[in-house]
């Protein structure tokens, strides 16, 4: 029996029919000369703890549909850390942000605790705008790994110091206490952030929906004193903050932007072995993915990447389940070592197909931005 070339199998596996790919083709190609468009913006969406079962459960729970079905390119990344087969969010996010395998707990540093320049910092050096939005605290492991360099993810005051002096143009997340309720040896950061060009506010002063960012200043909003609530308990800022971030970063015609949006609490539902928590957080995240795709389709120069740092909980959907009534089982209250899906849409999306280390997401983003 003749052997089918491997590249043909991969091509067929990762391709969709013409009806499914027409939307992306129009997005990635110029309508005037059929020349591929250059990536101007990258929006990286990280569903913390989101493995294939979390995606499946969320999909079944909303009529067997998910915005992820719009992505024409799918890959898998190997999530392990430098010191553990099962990674944590700090090492996982540092792989994305810096392109290095590092130890669990590391924030923007390599396995020898040496600082490594992040994709966000590289983008800012190129004159691009940058943003971070999360449903965790803004000093939590995933967002912190894009602007801070610290040997431990638990050094929250030091990480907040780094954000205050950073070049992040727009951020929204929890953790007000790490900026205002500090030891006597550490000053209130609001004053220094305002001196550093920030328009800074929080949930105690105003609601996010009532604020219009000043485009001449950097913008920061803290949504909770510590951890934000789960969406099922009333948290509602993440879709709005994501929309505001895109509008803010795209408002001035310049050199483009880099934006990271994290659906942080999908992970927390996994740690709690609470399937309903996982699903409610995924459903909100999926809504945000759909909104981002709408922007990317209209813009034509935005690469959208959706992935996770790791899977959490070893989630399984049990045999007695129906789409209207999912029955869950968990194997762990921690992370697991399974490979993680990567979804890509827009110009240069095809480079995210295949199986690769999680660090390759950093290098593929560099390639898409044409950074040297």
Protein backbone atom coordinates (compact mmCIF):
# COMPACT_ATOMS: atom_id res chain seq x y z
CA UNK A 1 0.00 0.00 0.00
CA UNK A 2 1.37 3.43 -0.95
CA UNK A 3 2.34 5.79 1.84
CA UNK A 4 0.72 9.24 2.03
CA UNK A 5 3.32 12.01 2.59
CA UNK A 6 3.25 13.37 6.15
CA UNK A 7 2.89 16.98 5.03
CA UNK A 8 -0.27 16.08 3.12
CA UNK A 9 -1.80 14.44 6.19
CA UNK A 10 -1.02 17.51 8.30
CA UNK A 11 -2.44 19.80 5.62
CA UNK A 12 -5.67 17.83 5.39
CA UNK A 13 -6.01 17.59 9.17
CA UNK A 14 -5.63 21.29 9.83
CA UNK A 15 -7.61 22.55 6.82
CA UNK A 16 -11.34 23.28 6.65
CA UNK A 17 -13.71 23.25 3.67
CA UNK A 18 -14.06 26.32 1.44
CA UNK A 19 -17.19 27.52 3.18
CA UNK A 20 -15.40 27.56 6.50
CA UNK A 21 -12.23 29.23 5.26
CA UNK A 22 -13.74 31.94 3.09
CA UNK A 23 -14.06 34.28 6.08
CA UNK A 24 -10.41 33.89 6.99
CA UNK A 25 -9.18 34.14 3.40
CA UNK A 26 -10.87 37.51 3.06
CA UNK A 27 -9.30 38.56 6.34
CA UNK A 28 -5.76 37.52 5.57
CA UNK A 29 -5.51 38.56 1.93
CA UNK A 30 -5.70 41.96 0.35
CA UNK A 31 -8.85 42.34 -1.73
CA UNK A 32 -7.02 44.47 -4.30
CA UNK A 33 -3.89 42.53 -5.22
CA UNK A 34 -4.21 39.19 -3.41
CA UNK A 35 -1.00 39.96 -1.48
CA UNK A 36 -0.87 38.62 2.09
CA UNK A 37 -1.30 41.37 4.66
CA UNK A 38 1.33 42.05 7.29
CA UNK A 39 0.53 41.52 10.95
CA UNK A 40 0.05 44.89 12.62
CA UNK A 41 -1.61 43.75 15.86
CA UNK A 42 -1.51 40.57 17.95
CA UNK A 43 -4.22 39.68 20.45
CA UNK A 44 -3.21 36.71 22.60
CA UNK A 45 -6.07 35.18 24.60
CA UNK A 46 -5.10 32.79 27.39
CA UNK A 47 -7.76 30.62 28.98
CA UNK A 48 -5.90 29.67 32.13
CA UNK A 49 -6.37 25.97 32.86
CA UNK A 50 -8.33 25.46 29.61
CA UNK A 51 -7.76 22.04 28.09
CA UNK A 52 -9.84 20.27 25.45
CA UNK A 53 -12.38 18.98 27.98
CA UNK A 54 -12.96 22.49 29.37
CA UNK A 55 -13.57 23.66 25.80
CA UNK A 56 -15.86 20.70 25.09
CA UNK A 57 -17.89 21.23 28.26
CA UNK A 58 -18.31 24.93 27.51
CA UNK A 59 -19.26 24.18 23.91
CA UNK A 60 -21.89 21.59 24.84
CA UNK A 61 -23.30 23.94 27.48
CA UNK A 62 -24.10 26.61 24.91
CA UNK A 63 -25.87 24.65 22.22
CA UNK A 64 -22.85 22.76 20.86
CA UNK A 65 -21.29 26.00 19.57
CA UNK A 66 -18.11 27.88 20.33
CA UNK A 67 -16.33 30.83 18.74
CA UNK A 68 -13.28 28.60 18.47
CA UNK A 69 -14.94 26.88 15.51
CA UNK A 70 -14.15 30.03 13.48
CA UNK A 71 -10.40 29.40 13.70
CA UNK A 72 -8.94 27.76 10.58
CA UNK A 73 -5.59 26.81 12.16
CA UNK A 74 -5.13 24.56 15.18
CA UNK A 75 -1.93 23.38 16.82
CA UNK A 76 -0.80 21.77 20.07
CA UNK A 77 1.86 22.96 22.47
CA UNK A 78 3.91 21.02 25.02
CA UNK A 79 3.40 22.81 28.30
CA UNK A 80 6.10 21.42 30.61
CA UNK A 81 8.34 23.68 32.71
CA UNK A 82 12.13 23.40 32.99
CA UNK A 83 11.95 21.66 36.37
CA UNK A 84 8.57 19.90 36.27
CA UNK A 85 6.61 17.94 33.71
CA UNK A 86 3.48 19.67 35.03
CA UNK A 87 3.86 23.43 34.70
CA UNK A 88 2.33 26.25 36.69
CA UNK A 89 0.93 29.49 35.29
CA UNK A 90 4.12 31.47 35.95
CA UNK A 91 6.41 29.17 33.98
CA UNK A 92 3.74 28.66 31.33
CA UNK A 93 3.14 32.36 30.79
CA UNK A 94 6.88 33.09 30.84
CA UNK A 95 7.30 30.58 28.01
CA UNK A 96 4.76 32.58 25.99
CA UNK A 97 6.10 36.00 26.96
CA UNK A 98 9.86 35.34 26.87
CA UNK A 99 10.44 32.17 24.85
CA UNK A 100 12.28 30.31 27.63
CA UNK A 101 11.54 27.20 29.63
CA UNK A 102 11.81 28.12 33.28
CA UNK A 103 10.96 26.76 36.73
CA UNK A 104 7.51 26.82 38.28
CA UNK A 105 6.97 30.13 40.04
CA UNK A 106 9.27 32.17 37.80
CA UNK A 107 8.02 35.50 36.44
CA UNK A 108 9.81 36.75 33.32
CA UNK A 109 13.11 35.11 34.27
CA UNK A 110 14.97 32.05 33.03
CA UNK A 111 15.85 28.98 35.06
CA UNK A 112 18.87 30.84 36.48
CA UNK A 113 16.61 33.76 37.58
CA UNK A 114 18.04 36.08 34.92
CA UNK A 115 15.53 38.56 33.45
CA UNK A 116 14.46 37.92 29.85
CA UNK A 117 12.88 40.61 27.68
CA UNK A 118 9.18 39.93 27.04
CA UNK A 119 7.16 40.19 23.85
CA UNK A 120 5.32 43.14 25.41
CA UNK A 121 8.59 44.95 26.14
CA UNK A 122 9.85 44.25 22.63
CA UNK A 123 6.61 45.59 21.16
CA UNK A 124 6.86 48.77 23.20
CA UNK A 125 10.44 49.32 22.00
CA UNK A 126 9.08 49.24 18.46
CA UNK A 127 6.68 52.06 19.31
CA UNK A 128 3.65 49.78 19.58
CA UNK A 129 0.88 50.10 22.17
CA UNK A 130 0.50 47.34 24.76
CA UNK A 131 -2.31 46.09 26.99
CA UNK A 132 -3.23 43.47 29.59
CA UNK A 133 -6.70 42.42 30.78
CA UNK A 134 -7.37 39.64 33.29
CA UNK A 135 -10.11 38.25 35.53
CA UNK A 136 -7.46 37.65 38.21
CA UNK A 137 -5.39 40.28 39.97
CA UNK A 138 -3.18 42.19 37.56
CA UNK A 139 -0.15 41.02 39.58
CA UNK A 140 -1.13 37.35 39.19
CA UNK A 141 1.27 34.98 37.45
CA UNK A 142 -0.02 35.21 33.87
CA UNK A 143 -0.31 38.98 33.38
CA UNK A 144 2.78 39.60 35.54
CA UNK A 145 4.93 37.44 33.25
CA UNK A 146 4.48 39.97 30.45
CA UNK A 147 5.81 43.03 32.32
CA UNK A 148 7.68 41.88 35.44
CA UNK A 149 10.89 39.98 36.19
CA UNK A 150 10.89 38.23 39.55
CA UNK A 151 12.18 34.99 40.98
CA UNK A 152 8.81 34.28 42.65
CA UNK A 153 5.23 34.80 41.55
CA UNK A 154 4.31 35.42 45.20
CA UNK A 155 6.30 38.67 45.48
CA UNK A 156 3.18 40.68 44.70
CA UNK A 157 4.39 44.05 46.05
CA UNK A 158 7.55 43.83 43.95
CA UNK A 159 5.52 42.84 40.91
CA UNK A 160 3.21 45.83 41.48
CA UNK A 161 6.32 48.04 41.65
CA UNK A 162 7.32 46.71 38.23
CA UNK A 163 3.91 47.52 36.76
CA UNK A 164 4.04 51.05 38.15
CA UNK A 165 7.29 51.64 36.27
CA UNK A 166 6.37 49.63 33.19
CA UNK A 167 5.49 50.67 29.67
CA UNK A 168 2.10 48.89 29.70
CA UNK A 169 -0.32 51.35 28.09
CA UNK A 170 -3.61 49.79 29.23
CA UNK A 171 -4.42 47.33 32.00
CA UNK A 172 -7.50 46.12 33.85
CA UNK A 173 -7.57 43.51 36.62
CA UNK A 174 -7.94 43.02 40.35
CA UNK A 175 -5.45 43.56 43.16
CA UNK A 176 -5.91 47.13 44.37
CA UNK A 177 -4.43 46.21 47.77
CA UNK A 178 -1.02 45.57 46.22
CA UNK A 179 -0.92 49.18 45.02
CA UNK A 180 -2.46 51.02 47.99
CA UNK A 181 -2.34 48.82 51.12
CA UNK A 182 1.39 48.39 51.42
CA UNK A 183 4.07 48.15 54.09
CA UNK A 184 5.44 51.41 55.47
CA UNK A 185 8.61 50.93 53.48
CA UNK A 186 6.61 50.89 50.23
CA UNK A 187 4.78 53.97 49.04
CA UNK A 188 1.25 54.13 47.67
CA UNK A 189 1.73 53.43 43.98
CA UNK A 190 -1.13 55.56 42.67
CA UNK A 191 0.93 58.72 43.07
CA UNK A 192 3.98 57.32 41.31
CA UNK A 193 1.83 55.82 38.53
CA UNK A 194 0.18 59.15 37.89
CA UNK A 195 3.65 60.68 37.76
CA UNK A 196 4.52 57.96 35.23
CA UNK A 197 1.72 59.10 32.93
CA UNK A 198 -1.14 56.89 34.08
CA UNK A 199 -4.81 57.67 34.40
CA UNK A 200 -5.42 55.28 37.28
CA UNK A 201 -8.68 54.43 39.03
CA UNK A 202 -10.45 51.54 40.74
CA UNK A 203 -13.80 49.97 41.66
CA UNK A 204 -14.02 52.04 44.85
CA UNK A 205 -13.88 55.33 42.94
CA UNK A 206 -16.01 54.50 39.90
CA UNK A 207 -17.45 51.77 37.71
CA UNK A 208 -15.42 50.85 34.65
CA UNK A 209 -18.39 51.48 32.36
CA UNK A 210 -18.51 55.10 33.49
CA UNK A 211 -14.89 55.85 32.60
CA UNK A 212 -13.58 57.17 29.31
CA UNK A 213 -9.80 56.65 29.08
CA UNK A 214 -7.70 59.69 28.23
CA UNK A 215 -5.89 58.67 25.03
CA UNK A 216 -2.99 60.97 25.87
CA UNK A 217 -2.23 58.93 29.01
CA UNK A 218 -1.66 55.33 29.93
CA UNK A 219 -4.72 53.73 31.57
CA UNK A 220 -5.14 51.42 34.54
CA UNK A 221 -8.23 50.24 36.42
CA UNK A 222 -8.30 47.88 39.41
CA UNK A 223 -11.54 45.93 39.66
CA UNK A 224 -11.28 44.44 43.16
CA UNK A 225 -9.24 44.83 46.31
CA UNK A 226 -7.78 41.38 45.85
CA UNK A 227 -9.20 38.57 43.66
CA UNK A 228 -12.18 39.49 41.47
CA UNK A 229 -15.38 37.52 41.96
CA UNK A 230 -16.31 34.60 39.69
CA UNK A 231 -18.61 35.57 36.83
CA UNK A 232 -21.38 33.46 38.42
CA UNK A 233 -21.24 35.74 41.48
CA UNK A 234 -21.60 38.96 39.54
CA UNK A 235 -18.23 39.81 37.96
CA UNK A 236 -19.01 41.42 34.62
CA UNK A 237 -16.07 43.61 33.63
CA UNK A 238 -14.00 41.26 31.44
CA UNK A 239 -15.93 41.64 28.13
CA UNK A 240 -16.16 45.42 28.61
CA UNK A 241 -12.50 45.74 29.57
CA UNK A 242 -11.46 43.69 26.54
CA UNK A 243 -13.53 45.90 24.24
CA UNK A 244 -12.16 49.05 25.87
CA UNK A 245 -8.60 47.77 25.51
CA UNK A 246 -8.98 47.20 21.78
CA UNK A 247 -10.64 50.59 21.25
CA UNK A 248 -7.94 52.34 23.28
CA UNK A 249 -4.99 50.56 21.67
CA UNK A 250 -6.40 50.94 18.16
CA UNK A 251 -7.55 54.55 18.57
CA UNK A 252 -4.42 56.20 17.23
CA UNK A 253 -3.09 55.19 13.83
CA UNK A 254 0.44 54.13 14.70
CA UNK A 255 2.63 51.04 14.63
CA UNK A 256 0.06 48.57 15.97
CA UNK A 257 -0.43 46.90 19.34
CA UNK A 258 0.02 43.79 21.47
CA UNK A 259 -2.81 42.80 23.81
CA UNK A 260 -3.04 39.83 26.19
CA UNK A 261 -6.48 38.91 27.58
CA UNK A 262 -6.69 36.19 30.24
CA UNK A 263 -9.73 34.22 31.26
CA UNK A 264 -8.07 33.53 34.59
CA UNK A 265 -10.77 31.75 36.52
CA UNK A 266 -11.33 28.78 34.22
CA UNK A 267 -8.30 27.55 36.14
CA UNK A 268 -9.83 28.34 39.51
CA UNK A 269 -12.89 26.24 38.68
CA UNK A 270 -10.57 23.35 37.89
CA UNK A 271 -8.71 23.71 41.17
CA UNK A 272 -12.06 23.68 42.97
CA UNK A 273 -13.20 20.59 40.97
CA UNK A 274 -16.34 22.57 40.13
CA UNK A 275 -17.56 21.89 36.62
CA UNK A 276 -20.19 24.63 36.65
CA UNK A 277 -17.51 27.16 37.66
CA UNK A 278 -15.31 26.03 34.77
CA UNK A 279 -18.14 26.25 32.26
CA UNK A 280 -19.44 29.67 33.33
CA UNK A 281 -15.95 31.13 33.05
CA UNK A 282 -15.38 29.50 29.65
CA UNK A 283 -18.70 30.79 28.31
CA UNK A 284 -17.71 34.36 29.16
CA UNK A 285 -14.24 33.83 27.66
CA UNK A 286 -15.82 32.40 24.51
CA UNK A 287 -17.93 35.54 24.18
CA UNK A 288 -14.77 37.64 24.34
CA UNK A 289 -13.11 35.45 21.70
CA UNK A 290 -16.08 36.09 19.41
CA UNK A 291 -15.84 39.84 19.95
CA UNK A 292 -12.11 39.79 19.22
CA UNK A 293 -12.73 37.83 16.02
CA UNK A 294 -15.27 40.44 14.91
CA UNK A 295 -12.61 43.14 15.31
CA UNK A 296 -9.95 41.06 13.57
CA UNK A 297 -12.21 40.30 10.60
CA UNK A 298 -12.94 43.99 10.05
CA UNK A 299 -9.36 45.08 10.68
CA UNK A 300 -7.63 42.53 8.46
CA UNK A 301 -4.19 43.04 10.02
CA UNK A 302 -4.76 41.44 13.43
CA UNK A 303 -3.47 38.00 14.35
CA UNK A 304 -5.58 36.33 17.04
CA UNK A 305 -4.14 33.47 19.09
CA UNK A 306 -6.09 31.50 21.70
CA UNK A 307 -4.43 28.98 23.97
CA UNK A 308 -3.93 27.98 27.61
CA UNK A 309 -0.91 27.67 29.85
CA UNK A 310 -1.98 24.20 31.04
CA UNK A 311 -5.03 22.09 31.84
CA UNK A 312 -6.36 22.12 35.41
CA UNK A 313 -8.16 19.38 37.29
CA UNK A 314 -7.88 16.47 34.86
CA UNK A 315 -11.48 17.15 33.86
CA UNK A 316 -13.56 14.42 32.20
CA UNK A 317 -17.13 14.41 30.87
CA UNK A 318 -18.79 11.24 32.17
CA UNK A 319 -20.73 8.63 30.10
CA UNK A 320 -24.15 9.52 31.55
CA UNK A 321 -23.84 13.12 30.33
CA UNK A 322 -26.12 14.83 27.85
CA UNK A 323 -25.66 18.29 26.36
CA UNK A 324 -28.34 19.55 28.72
CA UNK A 325 -26.86 17.80 31.76
CA UNK A 326 -23.12 17.33 31.89
CA UNK A 327 -21.68 15.02 34.54
CA UNK A 328 -18.07 15.79 35.51
CA UNK A 329 -15.18 13.92 37.06
CA UNK A 330 -11.76 15.25 38.07
CA UNK A 331 -8.49 13.43 38.63
CA UNK A 332 -6.65 16.25 40.42
CA UNK A 333 -7.04 19.56 42.20
CA UNK A 334 -3.89 20.78 40.43
CA UNK A 335 -2.68 21.11 36.86
CA UNK A 336 -2.04 18.19 34.50
CA UNK A 337 0.60 17.55 31.86
CA UNK A 338 -1.55 17.12 28.74
CA UNK A 339 -0.73 18.98 25.52
CA UNK A 340 -2.70 22.18 25.01
CA UNK A 341 -4.55 23.39 21.89
CA UNK A 342 -3.55 26.58 20.07
CA UNK A 343 -6.04 28.35 17.79
CA UNK A 344 -4.94 31.02 15.29
CA UNK A 345 -6.82 33.40 12.99
CA UNK A 346 -5.66 36.16 10.69
CA UNK A 347 -2.43 36.94 8.82
CA UNK A 348 0.35 34.41 9.51
CA UNK A 349 -2.09 32.14 11.35
CA UNK A 350 -0.71 29.13 9.48
CA UNK A 351 2.59 29.23 11.38
CA UNK A 352 0.74 28.06 14.52
CA UNK A 353 -0.22 24.66 13.04
CA UNK A 354 1.57 21.55 14.25
CA UNK A 355 3.00 20.33 17.54
CA UNK A 356 5.68 22.36 19.30
CA UNK A 357 7.01 23.55 22.65
CA UNK A 358 5.09 26.32 24.42
CA UNK A 359 8.12 28.59 23.96
CA UNK A 360 7.50 28.52 20.21
CA UNK A 361 4.44 30.72 20.68
CA UNK A 362 6.83 33.54 21.62
CA UNK A 363 9.01 32.96 18.56
CA UNK A 364 6.04 32.64 16.25
CA UNK A 365 4.74 35.99 17.53
CA UNK A 366 8.18 37.53 16.90
CA UNK A 367 8.06 36.12 13.37
CA UNK A 368 4.57 37.49 12.78
CA UNK A 369 5.62 40.95 14.01
CA UNK A 370 8.84 40.67 11.96
CA UNK A 371 10.88 41.53 15.05
CA UNK A 372 14.60 40.87 14.73
